[in-house]
Protein backbone atom coordinates (compact mmCIF):
# COMPACT_ATOMS: atom_id res chain seq x y z
CA MET A 1 -95.14 31.23 -59.86
CA SER A 2 -95.96 28.67 -57.08
CA THR A 3 -95.43 24.66 -57.86
CA SER A 4 -97.57 23.99 -54.64
CA ASN A 5 -100.76 25.03 -53.19
CA ASN A 6 -98.64 28.34 -51.97
CA ILE A 7 -99.61 31.67 -53.14
CA PRO A 8 -96.71 34.37 -53.35
CA PHE A 9 -97.00 37.62 -52.48
CA LEU A 10 -95.56 38.48 -55.74
CA ASP A 11 -95.01 36.77 -58.85
CA LEU A 12 -92.51 37.77 -61.27
CA VAL A 13 -91.75 34.46 -62.94
CA THR A 14 -95.04 33.73 -64.95
CA PRO A 15 -95.03 37.20 -67.03
CA HIS A 16 -91.36 36.65 -67.84
CA VAL A 17 -92.04 33.39 -69.17
CA GLU A 18 -94.88 34.82 -70.99
CA LEU A 19 -92.72 37.31 -72.53
CA GLU A 20 -89.68 35.25 -72.73
CA ASN A 21 -89.39 35.39 -76.49
CA GLU A 22 -89.85 38.95 -76.87
CA LEU A 23 -87.57 39.83 -74.31
CA THR A 24 -84.92 37.67 -75.54
CA SER A 25 -85.31 38.93 -79.10
CA VAL A 26 -84.95 42.59 -78.27
CA PHE A 27 -81.85 41.72 -75.80
CA ARG A 28 -80.25 40.08 -79.61
CA GLN A 29 -80.89 43.22 -80.85
CA VAL A 30 -79.02 45.30 -78.85
CA LEU A 31 -76.25 42.69 -78.62
CA HIS A 32 -76.26 42.59 -82.37
CA THR A 33 -75.36 46.91 -82.25
CA ALA A 34 -74.00 46.97 -79.63
CA GLY A 35 -75.80 50.08 -78.27
CA PHE A 36 -75.71 49.34 -74.62
CA VAL A 37 -75.93 53.38 -73.40
CA GLY A 38 -78.88 55.63 -74.91
CA GLY A 39 -79.55 55.39 -78.40
CA PRO A 40 -82.83 54.46 -80.54
CA MET A 41 -84.02 51.85 -77.64
CA VAL A 42 -84.25 54.44 -75.18
CA GLU A 43 -85.54 57.14 -77.31
CA ASP A 44 -88.52 54.53 -78.82
CA PHE A 45 -89.09 53.81 -74.87
CA GLU A 46 -89.43 57.42 -73.55
CA LYS A 47 -91.85 58.47 -76.74
CA ALA A 48 -93.83 55.23 -75.87
CA PHE A 49 -94.34 55.66 -71.88
CA ALA A 50 -94.43 59.79 -72.87
CA GLU A 51 -97.60 58.72 -75.00
CA PHE A 52 -98.70 56.28 -72.27
CA CYS A 53 -98.54 58.72 -69.63
CA ALA A 54 -100.36 61.63 -71.86
CA THR A 55 -97.26 64.14 -71.50
CA ASP A 56 -95.05 65.98 -73.63
CA HIS A 57 -91.87 64.34 -72.44
CA ALA A 58 -90.47 61.26 -71.22
CA VAL A 59 -86.93 61.20 -69.51
CA ALA A 60 -85.37 57.56 -69.04
CA VAL A 61 -83.34 57.32 -66.00
CA ASN A 62 -81.43 54.69 -63.91
CA SER A 63 -83.91 54.37 -60.72
CA GLY A 64 -86.98 56.07 -59.58
CA THR A 65 -85.21 58.01 -56.82
CA ASP A 66 -82.97 59.72 -59.39
CA ALA A 67 -85.96 60.90 -61.69
CA LEU A 68 -87.58 61.79 -58.13
CA ARG A 69 -84.00 63.67 -57.45
CA PHE A 70 -83.32 65.19 -61.04
CA ALA A 71 -87.15 65.94 -61.57
CA LEU A 72 -87.13 68.49 -58.27
CA ILE A 73 -83.28 70.11 -59.09
CA ALA A 74 -84.56 70.57 -62.76
CA ALA A 75 -87.72 72.67 -61.47
CA GLY A 76 -86.40 74.65 -59.57
CA VAL A 77 -85.94 73.14 -56.05
CA LYS A 78 -82.48 74.85 -54.32
CA GLN A 79 -80.07 73.98 -51.30
CA ASP A 80 -82.31 73.96 -48.59
CA ASP A 81 -85.59 75.07 -49.52
CA ALA A 82 -88.51 73.22 -47.98
CA VAL A 83 -89.95 70.59 -49.42
CA VAL A 84 -93.13 68.95 -48.12
CA THR A 85 -94.51 65.25 -48.57
CA VAL A 86 -95.59 62.69 -46.47
CA PRO A 87 -93.90 60.35 -43.37
CA HIS A 88 -95.84 56.80 -45.07
CA THR A 89 -93.85 56.33 -48.07
CA PHE A 90 -90.99 54.68 -49.05
CA ILE A 91 -87.41 56.72 -47.84
CA ALA A 92 -86.55 57.11 -51.41
CA THR A 93 -89.31 59.73 -51.45
CA THR A 94 -87.64 61.98 -48.79
CA GLU A 95 -84.06 60.85 -50.10
CA ALA A 96 -84.44 62.32 -53.74
CA ILE A 97 -85.52 65.93 -51.86
CA SER A 98 -82.69 65.75 -49.21
CA GLN A 99 -80.39 64.77 -52.43
CA ALA A 100 -81.48 67.45 -54.19
CA GLY A 101 -80.38 69.88 -51.62
CA GLY A 102 -84.03 70.36 -50.27
CA ARG A 103 -85.01 69.58 -46.61
CA PRO A 104 -88.34 67.02 -46.12
CA GLU A 105 -91.16 68.57 -44.31
CA LEU A 106 -93.83 66.18 -43.55
CA VAL A 107 -97.70 66.27 -43.12
CA ASP A 108 -100.22 63.52 -42.41
CA ILE A 109 -101.97 61.38 -44.77
CA ASP A 110 -105.92 60.73 -45.13
CA SER A 111 -107.11 57.87 -43.74
CA ARG A 112 -108.97 56.61 -46.07
CA THR A 113 -106.64 56.91 -48.99
CA TYR A 114 -103.26 57.03 -47.50
CA ASN A 115 -102.20 59.62 -49.42
CA MET A 116 -101.38 63.31 -48.58
CA ASP A 117 -104.56 65.17 -46.90
CA PRO A 118 -104.96 68.38 -48.71
CA GLU A 119 -106.57 69.76 -45.32
CA LYS A 120 -102.93 69.07 -43.12
CA LEU A 121 -101.20 70.64 -46.33
CA ARG A 122 -103.46 73.58 -45.99
CA GLU A 123 -103.19 73.64 -42.05
CA TYR A 124 -99.16 73.45 -42.52
CA LEU A 125 -99.00 76.11 -45.24
CA GLU A 126 -101.04 78.34 -43.09
CA GLN A 127 -100.39 77.60 -39.82
CA GLY A 128 -96.74 76.37 -40.07
CA CYS A 129 -95.52 79.13 -42.39
CA THR A 130 -95.14 82.64 -42.79
CA ARG A 131 -93.69 85.49 -45.51
CA ASP A 132 -90.79 86.77 -45.36
CA ALA A 133 -89.87 90.33 -46.18
CA ALA A 134 -89.47 89.37 -49.57
CA GLY A 135 -92.67 87.86 -49.77
CA LYS A 136 -91.64 84.39 -49.66
CA LEU A 137 -93.25 81.43 -47.88
CA VAL A 138 -91.10 80.12 -45.38
CA SER A 139 -91.70 77.47 -43.04
CA ARG A 140 -91.34 77.80 -39.19
CA ARG A 141 -90.13 74.97 -38.24
CA SER A 142 -86.88 74.97 -40.20
CA GLY A 143 -86.73 78.97 -41.42
CA CYS A 144 -86.09 77.99 -45.07
CA PRO A 145 -88.32 79.23 -48.26
CA VAL A 146 -91.31 76.61 -48.88
CA THR A 147 -90.56 75.93 -52.94
CA ALA A 148 -92.33 72.54 -53.61
CA VAL A 149 -94.82 69.75 -52.76
CA VAL A 150 -94.28 65.85 -53.54
CA PRO A 151 -97.52 64.34 -53.05
CA VAL A 152 -97.20 60.65 -53.60
CA HIS A 153 -99.52 58.01 -55.49
CA LEU A 154 -99.34 55.25 -52.64
CA TYR A 155 -100.18 52.26 -53.57
CA GLY A 156 -101.31 52.62 -57.16
CA GLN A 157 -103.90 55.73 -56.48
CA MET A 158 -103.35 59.10 -57.13
CA ALA A 159 -103.41 61.78 -54.62
CA ASP A 160 -106.30 64.25 -54.49
CA MET A 161 -104.74 66.58 -57.04
CA ASP A 162 -107.44 69.61 -57.76
CA ALA A 163 -107.13 70.40 -53.55
CA ILE A 164 -103.42 70.00 -53.99
CA GLN A 165 -103.10 72.33 -57.08
CA GLU A 166 -105.27 74.82 -56.04
CA LEU A 167 -103.09 75.32 -52.77
CA ALA A 168 -99.88 75.03 -55.10
CA GLU A 169 -101.62 78.32 -56.69
CA ARG A 170 -102.33 79.98 -53.46
CA PHE A 171 -99.23 79.84 -52.06
CA GLY A 172 -96.99 79.50 -54.94
CA PHE A 173 -95.00 76.05 -54.65
CA ILE A 174 -94.54 73.67 -57.67
CA VAL A 175 -96.38 70.50 -57.74
CA ILE A 176 -93.81 67.37 -58.10
CA GLU A 177 -95.33 64.00 -58.63
CA ASP A 178 -93.80 60.91 -56.45
CA ALA A 179 -96.29 58.00 -59.13
CA CYS A 180 -93.42 55.51 -58.33
CA GLN A 181 -96.33 53.20 -57.72
CA ALA A 182 -99.11 54.82 -60.26
CA HIS A 183 -98.24 53.41 -63.60
CA GLY A 184 -101.47 54.46 -65.57
CA ALA A 185 -103.83 55.56 -62.58
CA GLU A 186 -105.99 58.15 -63.13
CA TYR A 187 -107.83 61.05 -61.36
CA PHE A 188 -110.61 62.90 -62.24
CA SER A 189 -110.01 66.66 -61.87
CA ARG A 190 -113.50 68.45 -61.36
CA LYS A 191 -111.74 71.76 -62.38
CA HIS A 192 -110.85 70.60 -65.92
CA ASN A 193 -113.65 68.17 -66.23
CA ARG A 194 -111.98 65.18 -67.39
CA TRP A 195 -109.33 62.68 -66.46
CA PHE A 196 -105.36 62.56 -66.29
CA LYS A 197 -102.65 59.91 -65.75
CA ALA A 198 -100.44 59.58 -63.28
CA GLY A 199 -97.58 61.89 -63.92
CA SER A 200 -99.70 64.55 -66.62
CA MET A 201 -100.94 67.17 -63.46
CA GLY A 202 -97.77 68.14 -61.54
CA GLN A 203 -94.85 70.31 -62.97
CA ALA A 204 -92.92 67.08 -63.18
CA ALA A 205 -93.34 63.48 -62.16
CA ALA A 206 -91.12 60.13 -61.06
CA PHE A 207 -91.53 56.89 -61.53
CA SER A 208 -90.13 53.91 -60.56
CA PHE A 209 -89.41 50.39 -62.69
CA TYR A 210 -88.28 48.35 -60.14
CA PRO A 211 -89.02 44.86 -61.21
CA GLY A 212 -92.60 44.44 -59.00
CA LYS A 213 -93.95 47.92 -60.10
CA ASN A 214 -96.57 47.51 -62.11
CA LEU A 215 -94.33 47.91 -64.82
CA GLY A 216 -91.04 46.53 -64.03
CA ALA A 217 -87.35 46.33 -65.75
CA CYS A 218 -85.65 42.99 -64.94
CA GLY A 219 -83.31 45.34 -62.91
CA GLU A 220 -83.36 49.04 -62.00
CA GLY A 221 -84.66 52.06 -64.33
CA GLY A 222 -87.14 55.03 -63.75
CA ALA A 223 -88.40 57.92 -66.29
CA ILE A 224 -89.81 61.82 -65.16
CA THR A 225 -92.54 62.49 -67.13
CA THR A 226 -93.47 66.48 -67.69
CA ASN A 227 -95.13 68.78 -70.34
CA GLN A 228 -92.42 71.46 -70.04
CA ALA A 229 -89.59 71.19 -72.38
CA THR A 230 -86.94 73.28 -69.94
CA ILE A 231 -87.45 70.39 -67.12
CA ALA A 232 -86.87 67.96 -69.97
CA GLN A 233 -84.34 69.31 -71.33
CA LYS A 234 -82.31 69.69 -67.74
CA SER A 235 -83.34 66.42 -66.69
CA ARG A 236 -81.66 65.14 -69.45
CA MET A 237 -78.05 67.03 -68.80
CA LEU A 238 -78.43 65.85 -65.49
CA ARG A 239 -78.58 62.36 -65.84
CA ASP A 240 -75.71 62.61 -68.44
CA HIS A 241 -73.04 64.30 -66.47
CA GLY A 242 -74.69 67.71 -67.15
CA GLN A 243 -73.61 67.66 -71.00
CA ALA A 244 -75.26 69.59 -73.80
CA LYS A 245 -73.10 67.20 -76.22
CA LYS A 246 -70.35 65.52 -75.31
CA TYR A 247 -67.79 66.50 -73.33
CA TYR A 248 -69.64 69.53 -73.30
CA HIS A 249 -70.62 70.28 -69.62
CA ASP A 250 -73.19 72.88 -68.69
CA LEU A 251 -73.94 72.15 -65.48
CA GLU A 252 -72.64 69.33 -63.14
CA GLY A 253 -74.75 66.65 -63.27
CA TYR A 254 -74.67 62.68 -62.59
CA ASN A 255 -74.84 59.20 -63.84
CA GLY A 256 -78.15 58.57 -64.15
CA ARG A 257 -78.76 57.00 -67.51
CA LEU A 258 -81.08 53.93 -68.17
CA ASP A 259 -79.51 50.97 -70.23
CA ALA A 260 -80.95 50.13 -73.79
CA ILE A 261 -81.55 46.58 -72.82
CA GLN A 262 -83.97 47.65 -70.08
CA ALA A 263 -85.22 50.22 -72.11
CA ALA A 264 -86.05 47.21 -75.01
CA ILE A 265 -87.11 45.24 -71.87
CA LEU A 266 -89.76 47.99 -70.63
CA THR A 267 -90.96 48.82 -74.27
CA VAL A 268 -92.44 45.19 -74.43
CA LYS A 269 -94.12 45.38 -71.08
CA LEU A 270 -95.42 48.88 -71.75
CA ALA A 271 -97.39 47.22 -74.54
CA HIS A 272 -99.24 44.80 -71.80
CA LEU A 273 -99.19 47.17 -69.02
CA ASP A 274 -103.08 48.32 -69.78
CA SER A 275 -104.23 44.72 -69.63
CA TRP A 276 -102.02 43.92 -66.22
CA ASN A 277 -103.69 47.13 -64.47
CA LYS A 278 -107.22 45.91 -65.67
CA SER A 279 -106.34 42.76 -64.18
CA ARG A 280 -105.23 44.31 -60.52
CA GLN A 281 -108.45 46.19 -60.84
CA HIS A 282 -110.66 42.94 -61.40
CA LEU A 283 -108.68 41.22 -58.52
CA ALA A 284 -109.16 44.41 -55.90
CA ARG A 285 -113.09 44.01 -56.80
CA LYS A 286 -112.89 40.61 -56.43
CA TYR A 287 -110.96 40.54 -53.05
CA ASN A 288 -113.85 43.67 -51.83
CA GLU A 289 -116.41 41.40 -52.84
CA GLU A 290 -115.14 38.58 -50.54
CA PHE A 291 -114.43 40.39 -47.34
CA THR A 292 -117.64 42.90 -47.93
CA ALA A 293 -119.61 39.51 -47.82
CA SER A 294 -118.54 38.77 -44.65
CA ALA A 295 -118.19 39.87 -40.82
CA ALA A 296 -114.84 39.85 -40.41
CA ASN A 297 -112.94 42.50 -39.35
CA VAL A 298 -111.10 43.66 -42.24
CA VAL A 299 -110.98 47.65 -43.64
CA THR A 300 -110.54 47.13 -47.49
CA PRO A 301 -108.77 49.93 -49.79
CA PHE A 302 -111.23 52.98 -50.27
CA GLU A 303 -111.28 54.44 -53.73
CA PRO A 304 -112.76 57.47 -54.31
CA GLU A 305 -115.39 58.54 -57.67
CA SER A 306 -112.38 60.75 -58.71
CA SER A 307 -109.78 57.56 -58.81
CA ARG A 308 -108.88 54.83 -61.04
CA ALA A 309 -106.30 53.23 -58.67
CA VAL A 310 -104.29 50.29 -60.34
CA TYR A 311 -103.74 48.66 -57.42
CA HIS A 312 -99.81 48.26 -57.05
CA LEU A 313 -100.53 46.85 -53.57
CA TYR A 314 -103.62 45.73 -52.07
CA VAL A 315 -103.30 46.94 -48.55
CA VAL A 316 -106.05 46.04 -45.97
CA GLN A 317 -106.18 47.23 -42.16
CA VAL A 318 -106.71 44.62 -39.42
CA ASP A 319 -106.44 44.66 -35.58
CA ASP A 320 -103.38 42.27 -35.26
CA ARG A 321 -101.19 42.12 -37.93
CA GLU A 322 -98.76 40.09 -36.55
CA ALA A 323 -101.25 37.28 -35.86
CA LEU A 324 -102.73 37.72 -39.16
CA GLN A 325 -99.42 37.21 -40.69
CA ALA A 326 -98.42 34.30 -38.70
CA SER A 327 -101.17 32.64 -39.34
CA LEU A 328 -100.98 33.12 -43.50
CA ALA A 329 -97.57 32.03 -43.59
CA ASP A 330 -98.51 28.88 -42.17
CA ALA A 331 -101.10 28.43 -44.80
CA GLY A 332 -98.51 29.46 -47.24
CA ILE A 333 -99.82 32.68 -48.26
CA GLY A 334 -96.91 35.51 -48.66
CA THR A 335 -97.91 39.04 -47.20
CA GLY A 336 -96.15 42.54 -46.65
CA ILE A 337 -96.25 45.49 -44.97
CA HIS A 338 -95.85 48.87 -46.75
CA TYR A 339 -94.57 50.61 -44.44
CA PRO A 340 -94.07 48.94 -40.66
CA VAL A 341 -91.76 52.22 -39.77
CA PRO A 342 -93.13 56.09 -40.61
CA LEU A 343 -90.27 58.09 -41.53
CA HIS A 344 -90.55 60.63 -38.92
CA GLN A 345 -89.99 57.46 -36.68
CA GLN A 346 -86.73 56.43 -38.95
CA LYS A 347 -82.96 57.05 -37.51
CA ALA A 348 -81.86 58.30 -40.58
CA TYR A 349 -84.58 61.83 -39.77
CA ALA A 350 -84.23 62.17 -36.46
CA HIS A 351 -82.12 65.57 -37.30
CA LEU A 352 -85.72 66.85 -38.59
CA GLY A 353 -86.86 67.20 -35.01
CA TYR A 354 -90.25 65.51 -35.37
CA LYS A 355 -91.15 63.14 -32.59
CA THR A 356 -93.85 60.24 -32.01
CA GLY A 357 -97.31 61.71 -32.14
CA ASP A 358 -97.13 64.42 -34.56
CA PHE A 359 -98.68 62.38 -37.35
CA PRO A 360 -101.27 60.62 -36.08
CA VAL A 361 -102.86 58.97 -38.58
CA THR A 362 -99.62 57.71 -40.05
CA GLU A 363 -98.78 56.26 -37.14
CA ARG A 364 -101.71 54.67 -36.39
CA LEU A 365 -101.94 52.64 -40.02
CA ALA A 366 -98.27 51.69 -39.69
CA ARG A 367 -99.59 49.72 -36.72
CA ARG A 368 -102.39 48.07 -38.74
CA ILE A 369 -101.80 48.21 -42.42
CA VAL A 370 -100.86 44.45 -43.94
CA SER A 371 -100.28 44.12 -47.97
CA LEU A 372 -102.00 41.32 -49.52
CA PRO A 373 -100.87 38.81 -52.15
CA MET A 374 -101.71 40.84 -55.96
CA PHE A 375 -100.17 40.34 -59.17
CA PRO A 376 -102.08 40.43 -62.90
CA HIS A 377 -101.86 36.72 -63.03
CA MET A 378 -103.03 35.77 -59.67
CA THR A 379 -106.63 33.75 -60.21
CA ASN A 380 -110.06 34.62 -58.57
CA ASP A 381 -109.54 31.18 -56.90
CA GLN A 382 -106.26 32.31 -55.12
CA VAL A 383 -108.15 35.91 -54.41
CA VAL A 384 -111.15 33.72 -52.88
CA ARG A 385 -108.31 31.30 -50.50
CA VAL A 386 -106.53 34.54 -49.43
CA ALA A 387 -109.60 35.95 -48.27
CA ASN A 388 -110.99 32.61 -46.68
CA GLU A 389 -107.55 32.58 -44.67
CA VAL A 390 -108.12 35.84 -43.38
CA LYS A 391 -111.68 35.75 -42.26
CA GLY A 392 -111.20 32.85 -40.82
CA SER A 393 -107.80 33.53 -38.84
CA ILE A 394 -109.64 36.73 -37.75
CA SER A 395 -113.20 34.72 -36.65
CA ARG A 396 -110.58 32.23 -34.83
CA ALA A 397 -108.84 35.10 -32.95
CA LEU A 398 -112.29 36.88 -31.68
CA GLN A 399 -113.44 33.49 -30.46
CA THR A 400 -110.11 33.29 -28.54
CA VAL A 401 -110.62 36.68 -27.12
CA CYS A 402 -114.59 35.68 -26.56
CA ALA A 403 -113.62 32.43 -24.48
CA MET A 404 -110.77 34.40 -22.46
CA ALA A 405 -113.35 37.11 -21.37
CA ARG A 406 -116.13 34.85 -20.19
């Protein structure tokens, strides 16, 4: 919350102040019951979140990273399986793959949606893979069996799930959605002729409740959604030291539980998520109007007809990002970059053997993208001010270039 004319990149104070009475009430409930781990509050949240996502099951865990890791393991990913995802995402996506025992393999993104490009995935499967003597799909790059694909619903917009699932059926791999930025996003399936919620289309999906997400805890949190009872049950065991019941361990698991206080807080916030998402959608349209009405050299987010994005982030492309960020900072406007260094260029993944130039769309976008302020309590006037500052900065930069060229 800003007390001046500044516009923060993200406002986490206002919604918590507005919900203070509800949040403190559920906190007191937990104190009075001393049910700090598991119990009715966690179960109530799981039921509510499963209903919100239109899935049969939701399993609450302590982070989005654990959600994706447990979902992969529970769905059957084994040691040294190749799991395909994108280089344009937060490192938690590939960390979860590696920690599940898999080997991340990458395909480039669509230049408009910033999500996995199904055509690049098809090329990888047809040209970058072969079949072994047993008929298993094997990566030519690593020699590992390809068992799963993780499409990332980046910035609040779902990937092209029809195309990805068609390839899954053809080549025989599982699909685990990384929905950590897409709480409430929707996708229209041409195959099924209806809308689907994020988290309801793959064998399982992972959500993060990091504080800045569309649905954020007051700390860490995550959840797995699935329509498969076996995946849900194994995920519950994985989060709780592999226990089928107390002190009876059917497998070696982890300590990945969501605590009751965070579950109670998330239940309160979940009731407001639809209205918060609608506010984000309205603000995104307002941004688009402001930029479309000018000649500013700004590439706004692309939202296909098959998508109902929830704008976790509002990301634009510009020619000189550094100059724009400096100009906005001088004007008291916060910005972010999501993400400046693609995963295949990170030191942590040098061992995968990728090189600069392997994913040209991702590499080009990583130099041009900038995230503008986006939060549910942002006002139209703030959007107009941000847009005007962006347009003014770009206009001044163009005038400088023209003057130097004369």
